[in-house]
Amino acid sequence: MNRRLMQMFSKQFGQIPKFYASNEQPIVLRNEKSGYYVNPEAVARRMIKVISLHDDVKNPSAITLQSTWNDIGLSDMAYVEVMVEVEREFEIEFPDADVECFRTVNDAVEYVARSFFAV
């Protein structure tokens, strides 16, 4: 912000906000070099946790970013259920065409990390 805007904002509101919304999460701008809106490592941890909680997963501790859905032990129906849970976790909605393109856990992590609306 330029100095004049900061002064005007300070006079009107008392301080310059550093946080957005009531949950006090900082405003995160897209990293132009990486293209991520959300930290991919945090997305990976949360997504693996959601996937590992599904009943059809054979070995939850063996899930990696390179794991395919067949390696994890998910049928087509279980895969859809997991994707719905991932949508709930990150408060986004995947277009059907994009969900069909996810071959590994990393594909889904990359999609969420680059999504503007993911939380």
N, C-alpha and C. Protein backbone atom coordinates (compact mmCIF):
# COMPACT_ATOMS: atom_id res chain seq x y z
N MET A 1 0.84 -1.18 0.00
CA MET A 1 0.00 0.00 0.00
C MET A 1 0.88 1.24 0.00
N ASN A 2 0.43 2.24 -0.69
CA ASN A 2 1.22 3.45 -0.64
C ASN A 2 0.93 4.19 0.67
N ARG A 3 1.78 5.12 0.99
CA ARG A 3 1.73 5.80 2.29
C ARG A 3 0.40 6.54 2.49
N ARG A 4 -0.10 7.21 1.46
CA ARG A 4 -1.33 7.99 1.59
C ARG A 4 -2.51 7.08 1.90
N LEU A 5 -2.61 5.96 1.21
CA LEU A 5 -3.70 5.01 1.49
C LEU A 5 -3.60 4.47 2.91
N MET A 6 -2.39 4.19 3.35
CA MET A 6 -2.21 3.67 4.70
C MET A 6 -2.66 4.69 5.74
N GLN A 7 -2.34 5.96 5.51
CA GLN A 7 -2.74 7.00 6.45
C GLN A 7 -4.26 7.14 6.48
N MET A 8 -4.89 7.14 5.30
CA MET A 8 -6.34 7.26 5.23
C MET A 8 -7.01 6.07 5.92
N PHE A 9 -6.49 4.89 5.67
CA PHE A 9 -7.05 3.69 6.27
C PHE A 9 -6.90 3.70 7.77
N SER A 10 -5.73 4.14 8.25
CA SER A 10 -5.48 4.19 9.69
C SER A 10 -6.41 5.17 10.38
N LYS A 11 -6.67 6.31 9.77
CA LYS A 11 -7.55 7.30 10.37
C LYS A 11 -8.98 6.78 10.45
N GLN A 12 -9.40 6.11 9.40
CA GLN A 12 -10.79 5.67 9.36
C GLN A 12 -11.04 4.45 10.24
N PHE A 13 -10.13 3.51 10.24
CA PHE A 13 -10.37 2.25 10.95
C PHE A 13 -9.49 2.05 12.17
N GLY A 14 -8.56 2.93 12.42
CA GLY A 14 -7.74 2.82 13.61
C GLY A 14 -6.47 2.02 13.41
N GLN A 15 -6.49 1.07 12.50
CA GLN A 15 -5.29 0.29 12.23
C GLN A 15 -5.42 -0.36 10.86
N ILE A 16 -4.32 -0.81 10.35
CA ILE A 16 -4.31 -1.50 9.06
C ILE A 16 -4.51 -2.98 9.34
N PRO A 17 -5.54 -3.59 8.77
CA PRO A 17 -5.80 -5.00 9.07
C PRO A 17 -4.70 -5.89 8.51
N LYS A 18 -4.31 -6.87 9.32
CA LYS A 18 -3.32 -7.84 8.88
C LYS A 18 -3.98 -9.19 8.63
N PHE A 19 -5.22 -9.32 9.05
CA PHE A 19 -5.91 -10.58 8.91
C PHE A 19 -7.23 -10.37 8.20
N TYR A 20 -7.72 -11.43 7.61
CA TYR A 20 -8.94 -11.38 6.82
C TYR A 20 -9.99 -12.27 7.48
N ALA A 21 -11.19 -11.78 7.61
CA ALA A 21 -12.33 -12.53 8.11
C ALA A 21 -12.20 -12.80 9.60
N SER A 22 -13.20 -13.48 10.14
CA SER A 22 -13.27 -13.68 11.58
C SER A 22 -12.33 -14.76 12.09
N ASN A 23 -11.88 -15.66 11.22
CA ASN A 23 -11.01 -16.74 11.69
C ASN A 23 -9.55 -16.31 11.76
N GLU A 24 -9.27 -15.05 11.49
CA GLU A 24 -7.94 -14.45 11.62
C GLU A 24 -6.86 -15.17 10.82
N GLN A 25 -7.20 -15.64 9.63
CA GLN A 25 -6.20 -16.21 8.76
C GLN A 25 -5.60 -15.09 7.92
N PRO A 26 -4.30 -15.11 7.76
CA PRO A 26 -3.69 -14.04 6.96
C PRO A 26 -4.13 -14.12 5.51
N ILE A 27 -4.14 -12.97 4.86
CA ILE A 27 -4.45 -12.93 3.44
C ILE A 27 -3.27 -13.54 2.71
N VAL A 28 -3.52 -14.55 1.90
CA VAL A 28 -2.45 -15.24 1.20
C VAL A 28 -2.57 -14.93 -0.28
N LEU A 29 -1.53 -14.35 -0.83
CA LEU A 29 -1.49 -14.08 -2.25
C LEU A 29 -0.84 -15.24 -2.97
N ARG A 30 -1.16 -15.39 -4.21
CA ARG A 30 -0.58 -16.47 -5.00
C ARG A 30 0.90 -16.22 -5.21
N ASN A 31 1.68 -17.25 -4.99
CA ASN A 31 3.10 -17.18 -5.24
C ASN A 31 3.28 -17.27 -6.75
N GLU A 32 3.76 -16.21 -7.37
CA GLU A 32 3.85 -16.16 -8.82
C GLU A 32 4.83 -17.19 -9.39
N LYS A 33 5.87 -17.52 -8.64
CA LYS A 33 6.84 -18.48 -9.15
C LYS A 33 6.29 -19.90 -9.12
N SER A 34 5.67 -20.28 -8.01
CA SER A 34 5.19 -21.66 -7.89
C SER A 34 3.76 -21.81 -8.38
N GLY A 35 2.97 -20.74 -8.32
CA GLY A 35 1.58 -20.81 -8.74
C GLY A 35 0.64 -21.32 -7.66
N TYR A 36 1.15 -21.49 -6.43
CA TYR A 36 0.33 -22.04 -5.36
C TYR A 36 -0.36 -20.94 -4.56
N TYR A 37 -1.60 -21.20 -4.19
CA TYR A 37 -2.31 -20.34 -3.26
C TYR A 37 -2.22 -20.91 -1.84
N VAL A 38 -2.11 -22.23 -1.74
CA VAL A 38 -2.05 -22.93 -0.46
C VAL A 38 -0.75 -23.72 -0.42
N ASN A 39 -0.17 -23.84 0.75
CA ASN A 39 1.07 -24.59 0.91
C ASN A 39 0.84 -26.06 0.53
N PRO A 40 1.54 -26.57 -0.49
CA PRO A 40 1.31 -27.95 -0.93
C PRO A 40 1.64 -29.01 0.13
N GLU A 41 2.59 -28.72 1.01
CA GLU A 41 2.92 -29.68 2.06
C GLU A 41 1.77 -29.83 3.04
N ALA A 42 1.15 -28.71 3.39
CA ALA A 42 0.00 -28.75 4.30
C ALA A 42 -1.18 -29.45 3.63
N VAL A 43 -1.38 -29.18 2.35
CA VAL A 43 -2.45 -29.86 1.60
C VAL A 43 -2.20 -31.35 1.58
N ALA A 44 -0.96 -31.76 1.34
CA ALA A 44 -0.63 -33.19 1.27
C ALA A 44 -0.91 -33.88 2.60
N ARG A 45 -0.51 -33.25 3.71
CA ARG A 45 -0.76 -33.85 5.03
C ARG A 45 -2.25 -34.03 5.27
N ARG A 46 -3.03 -32.99 5.01
CA ARG A 46 -4.47 -33.06 5.25
C ARG A 46 -5.14 -34.06 4.32
N MET A 47 -4.72 -34.10 3.06
CA MET A 47 -5.35 -35.01 2.11
C MET A 47 -5.03 -36.46 2.45
N ILE A 48 -3.79 -36.74 2.79
CA ILE A 48 -3.42 -38.12 3.16
C ILE A 48 -4.19 -38.55 4.40
N LYS A 49 -4.40 -37.63 5.33
CA LYS A 49 -5.18 -37.95 6.52
C LYS A 49 -6.62 -38.32 6.15
N VAL A 50 -7.23 -37.52 5.27
CA VAL A 50 -8.60 -37.79 4.84
C VAL A 50 -8.68 -39.13 4.12
N ILE A 51 -7.73 -39.39 3.24
CA ILE A 51 -7.72 -40.65 2.48
C ILE A 51 -7.54 -41.83 3.43
N SER A 52 -6.63 -41.71 4.38
CA SER A 52 -6.32 -42.83 5.28
C SER A 52 -7.49 -43.20 6.18
N LEU A 53 -8.43 -42.27 6.39
CA LEU A 53 -9.58 -42.55 7.25
C LEU A 53 -10.68 -43.34 6.56
N HIS A 54 -10.57 -43.53 5.24
CA HIS A 54 -11.60 -44.27 4.52
C HIS A 54 -11.48 -45.77 4.82
N ASP A 55 -12.62 -46.44 4.90
CA ASP A 55 -12.65 -47.86 5.28
C ASP A 55 -11.97 -48.78 4.27
N ASP A 56 -11.97 -48.43 2.99
CA ASP A 56 -11.42 -49.32 1.96
C ASP A 56 -9.90 -49.23 1.80
N VAL A 57 -9.26 -48.32 2.50
CA VAL A 57 -7.81 -48.16 2.36
C VAL A 57 -7.13 -49.36 3.02
N LYS A 58 -6.25 -50.02 2.24
CA LYS A 58 -5.59 -51.24 2.72
C LYS A 58 -4.58 -50.95 3.83
N ASN A 59 -3.66 -50.05 3.55
CA ASN A 59 -2.58 -49.75 4.49
C ASN A 59 -2.40 -48.24 4.58
N PRO A 60 -3.07 -47.58 5.51
CA PRO A 60 -3.00 -46.12 5.58
C PRO A 60 -1.59 -45.56 5.75
N SER A 61 -0.73 -46.28 6.41
CA SER A 61 0.63 -45.77 6.64
C SER A 61 1.49 -45.82 5.38
N ALA A 62 1.05 -46.54 4.36
CA ALA A 62 1.83 -46.67 3.13
C ALA A 62 1.45 -45.65 2.07
N ILE A 63 0.52 -44.75 2.38
CA ILE A 63 0.09 -43.76 1.39
C ILE A 63 1.18 -42.71 1.22
N THR A 64 1.57 -42.49 -0.03
CA THR A 64 2.54 -41.45 -0.37
C THR A 64 1.94 -40.58 -1.47
N LEU A 65 2.64 -39.54 -1.82
CA LEU A 65 2.16 -38.68 -2.90
C LEU A 65 2.17 -39.40 -4.25
N GLN A 66 3.03 -40.39 -4.40
CA GLN A 66 3.12 -41.12 -5.66
C GLN A 66 2.14 -42.30 -5.72
N SER A 67 1.41 -42.56 -4.66
CA SER A 67 0.46 -43.68 -4.63
C SER A 67 -0.67 -43.43 -5.62
N THR A 68 -1.00 -44.48 -6.38
CA THR A 68 -2.17 -44.39 -7.24
C THR A 68 -3.37 -44.84 -6.42
N TRP A 69 -4.55 -44.57 -6.94
CA TRP A 69 -5.77 -44.93 -6.20
C TRP A 69 -5.89 -46.45 -6.10
N ASN A 70 -5.41 -47.19 -7.10
CA ASN A 70 -5.43 -48.66 -7.03
C ASN A 70 -4.43 -49.17 -5.99
N ASP A 71 -3.27 -48.51 -5.88
CA ASP A 71 -2.28 -48.90 -4.87
C ASP A 71 -2.87 -48.76 -3.47
N ILE A 72 -3.66 -47.74 -3.28
CA ILE A 72 -4.26 -47.48 -1.98
C ILE A 72 -5.36 -48.49 -1.68
N GLY A 73 -5.97 -49.04 -2.73
CA GLY A 73 -7.01 -50.04 -2.56
C GLY A 73 -8.42 -49.50 -2.72
N LEU A 74 -8.55 -48.38 -3.43
CA LEU A 74 -9.86 -47.77 -3.59
C LEU A 74 -10.54 -48.26 -4.88
N SER A 75 -11.77 -48.67 -4.73
CA SER A 75 -12.59 -48.98 -5.90
C SER A 75 -13.06 -47.65 -6.49
N ASP A 76 -13.74 -47.72 -7.62
CA ASP A 76 -14.24 -46.49 -8.24
C ASP A 76 -15.20 -45.75 -7.31
N MET A 77 -16.07 -46.49 -6.66
CA MET A 77 -17.05 -45.87 -5.75
C MET A 77 -16.35 -45.28 -4.51
N ALA A 78 -15.38 -46.01 -3.99
CA ALA A 78 -14.63 -45.52 -2.82
C ALA A 78 -13.83 -44.27 -3.19
N TYR A 79 -13.31 -44.24 -4.42
CA TYR A 79 -12.57 -43.06 -4.90
C TYR A 79 -13.48 -41.83 -4.91
N VAL A 80 -14.70 -42.00 -5.39
CA VAL A 80 -15.66 -40.89 -5.40
C VAL A 80 -15.95 -40.44 -3.98
N GLU A 81 -16.14 -41.39 -3.06
CA GLU A 81 -16.40 -41.04 -1.67
C GLU A 81 -15.23 -40.26 -1.07
N VAL A 82 -14.01 -40.67 -1.37
CA VAL A 82 -12.83 -39.98 -0.86
C VAL A 82 -12.75 -38.57 -1.43
N MET A 83 -13.04 -38.42 -2.71
CA MET A 83 -12.99 -37.09 -3.32
C MET A 83 -14.05 -36.15 -2.72
N VAL A 84 -15.20 -36.70 -2.37
CA VAL A 84 -16.23 -35.89 -1.71
C VAL A 84 -15.73 -35.44 -0.34
N GLU A 85 -15.07 -36.32 0.38
CA GLU A 85 -14.51 -35.95 1.69
C GLU A 85 -13.40 -34.91 1.54
N VAL A 86 -12.59 -35.04 0.49
CA VAL A 86 -11.54 -34.05 0.24
C VAL A 86 -12.17 -32.69 -0.08
N GLU A 87 -13.24 -32.70 -0.86
CA GLU A 87 -13.95 -31.45 -1.15
C GLU A 87 -14.46 -30.80 0.13
N ARG A 88 -14.98 -31.60 1.03
CA ARG A 88 -15.46 -31.06 2.31
C ARG A 88 -14.31 -30.51 3.15
N GLU A 89 -13.20 -31.23 3.17
CA GLU A 89 -12.04 -30.82 3.96
C GLU A 89 -11.51 -29.46 3.51
N PHE A 90 -11.44 -29.25 2.20
CA PHE A 90 -10.85 -28.02 1.66
C PHE A 90 -11.90 -27.01 1.22
N GLU A 91 -13.17 -27.34 1.42
CA GLU A 91 -14.27 -26.45 1.08
C GLU A 91 -14.22 -25.97 -0.36
N ILE A 92 -13.97 -26.92 -1.26
CA ILE A 92 -14.00 -26.62 -2.69
C ILE A 92 -14.80 -27.70 -3.39
N GLU A 93 -15.07 -27.51 -4.66
CA GLU A 93 -15.77 -28.52 -5.44
C GLU A 93 -14.96 -28.80 -6.70
N PHE A 94 -14.67 -30.07 -6.92
CA PHE A 94 -13.93 -30.48 -8.10
C PHE A 94 -14.88 -30.65 -9.28
N PRO A 95 -14.56 -30.11 -10.45
CA PRO A 95 -15.33 -30.45 -11.64
C PRO A 95 -15.11 -31.93 -11.97
N ASP A 96 -16.14 -32.60 -12.45
CA ASP A 96 -16.05 -34.04 -12.74
C ASP A 96 -14.90 -34.37 -13.69
N ALA A 97 -14.69 -33.53 -14.69
CA ALA A 97 -13.62 -33.79 -15.65
C ALA A 97 -12.25 -33.77 -14.99
N ASP A 98 -12.07 -32.90 -14.01
CA ASP A 98 -10.78 -32.83 -13.32
C ASP A 98 -10.56 -34.03 -12.41
N VAL A 99 -11.62 -34.46 -11.73
CA VAL A 99 -11.50 -35.61 -10.83
C VAL A 99 -11.10 -36.86 -11.60
N GLU A 100 -11.60 -37.00 -12.81
CA GLU A 100 -11.27 -38.17 -13.63
C GLU A 100 -9.80 -38.17 -14.05
N CYS A 101 -9.15 -37.01 -14.01
CA CYS A 101 -7.75 -36.90 -14.42
C CYS A 101 -6.76 -37.18 -13.30
N PHE A 102 -7.21 -37.22 -12.05
CA PHE A 102 -6.31 -37.48 -10.93
C PHE A 102 -5.89 -38.95 -10.96
N ARG A 103 -4.61 -39.20 -11.23
CA ARG A 103 -4.09 -40.57 -11.25
C ARG A 103 -3.39 -40.94 -9.95
N THR A 104 -2.80 -39.93 -9.30
CA THR A 104 -2.09 -40.17 -8.04
C THR A 104 -2.58 -39.17 -6.99
N VAL A 105 -2.17 -39.39 -5.77
CA VAL A 105 -2.49 -38.47 -4.69
C VAL A 105 -1.90 -37.10 -4.99
N ASN A 106 -0.71 -37.07 -5.56
CA ASN A 106 -0.05 -35.81 -5.87
C ASN A 106 -0.84 -34.99 -6.89
N ASP A 107 -1.49 -35.63 -7.83
CA ASP A 107 -2.32 -34.89 -8.80
C ASP A 107 -3.41 -34.10 -8.07
N ALA A 108 -4.05 -34.73 -7.11
CA ALA A 108 -5.11 -34.06 -6.35
C ALA A 108 -4.52 -32.97 -5.45
N VAL A 109 -3.38 -33.22 -4.86
CA VAL A 109 -2.72 -32.22 -4.00
C VAL A 109 -2.36 -30.98 -4.82
N GLU A 110 -1.80 -31.18 -6.00
CA GLU A 110 -1.43 -30.05 -6.86
C GLU A 110 -2.66 -29.24 -7.24
N TYR A 111 -3.75 -29.92 -7.55
CA TYR A 111 -4.97 -29.22 -7.94
C TYR A 111 -5.48 -28.35 -6.79
N VAL A 112 -5.51 -28.91 -5.59
CA VAL A 112 -6.00 -28.16 -4.44
C VAL A 112 -5.06 -27.00 -4.10
N ALA A 113 -3.77 -27.24 -4.13
CA ALA A 113 -2.79 -26.20 -3.78
C ALA A 113 -2.85 -25.02 -4.75
N ARG A 114 -3.22 -25.28 -5.98
CA ARG A 114 -3.32 -24.21 -6.97
C ARG A 114 -4.71 -23.59 -7.04
N SER A 115 -5.64 -24.12 -6.25
CA SER A 115 -7.01 -23.61 -6.27
C SER A 115 -7.12 -22.36 -5.40
N PHE A 116 -7.70 -21.34 -5.95
CA PHE A 116 -7.85 -20.06 -5.23
C PHE A 116 -8.80 -20.20 -4.05
N PHE A 117 -9.79 -21.07 -4.14
CA PHE A 117 -10.84 -21.13 -3.14
C PHE A 117 -10.58 -22.15 -2.03
N ALA A 118 -9.49 -22.89 -2.10
CA ALA A 118 -9.20 -23.90 -1.07
C ALA A 118 -8.84 -23.22 0.24
N VAL A 119 -9.29 -23.84 1.34
CA VAL A 119 -8.95 -23.31 2.66
C VAL A 119 -8.15 -24.32 3.45
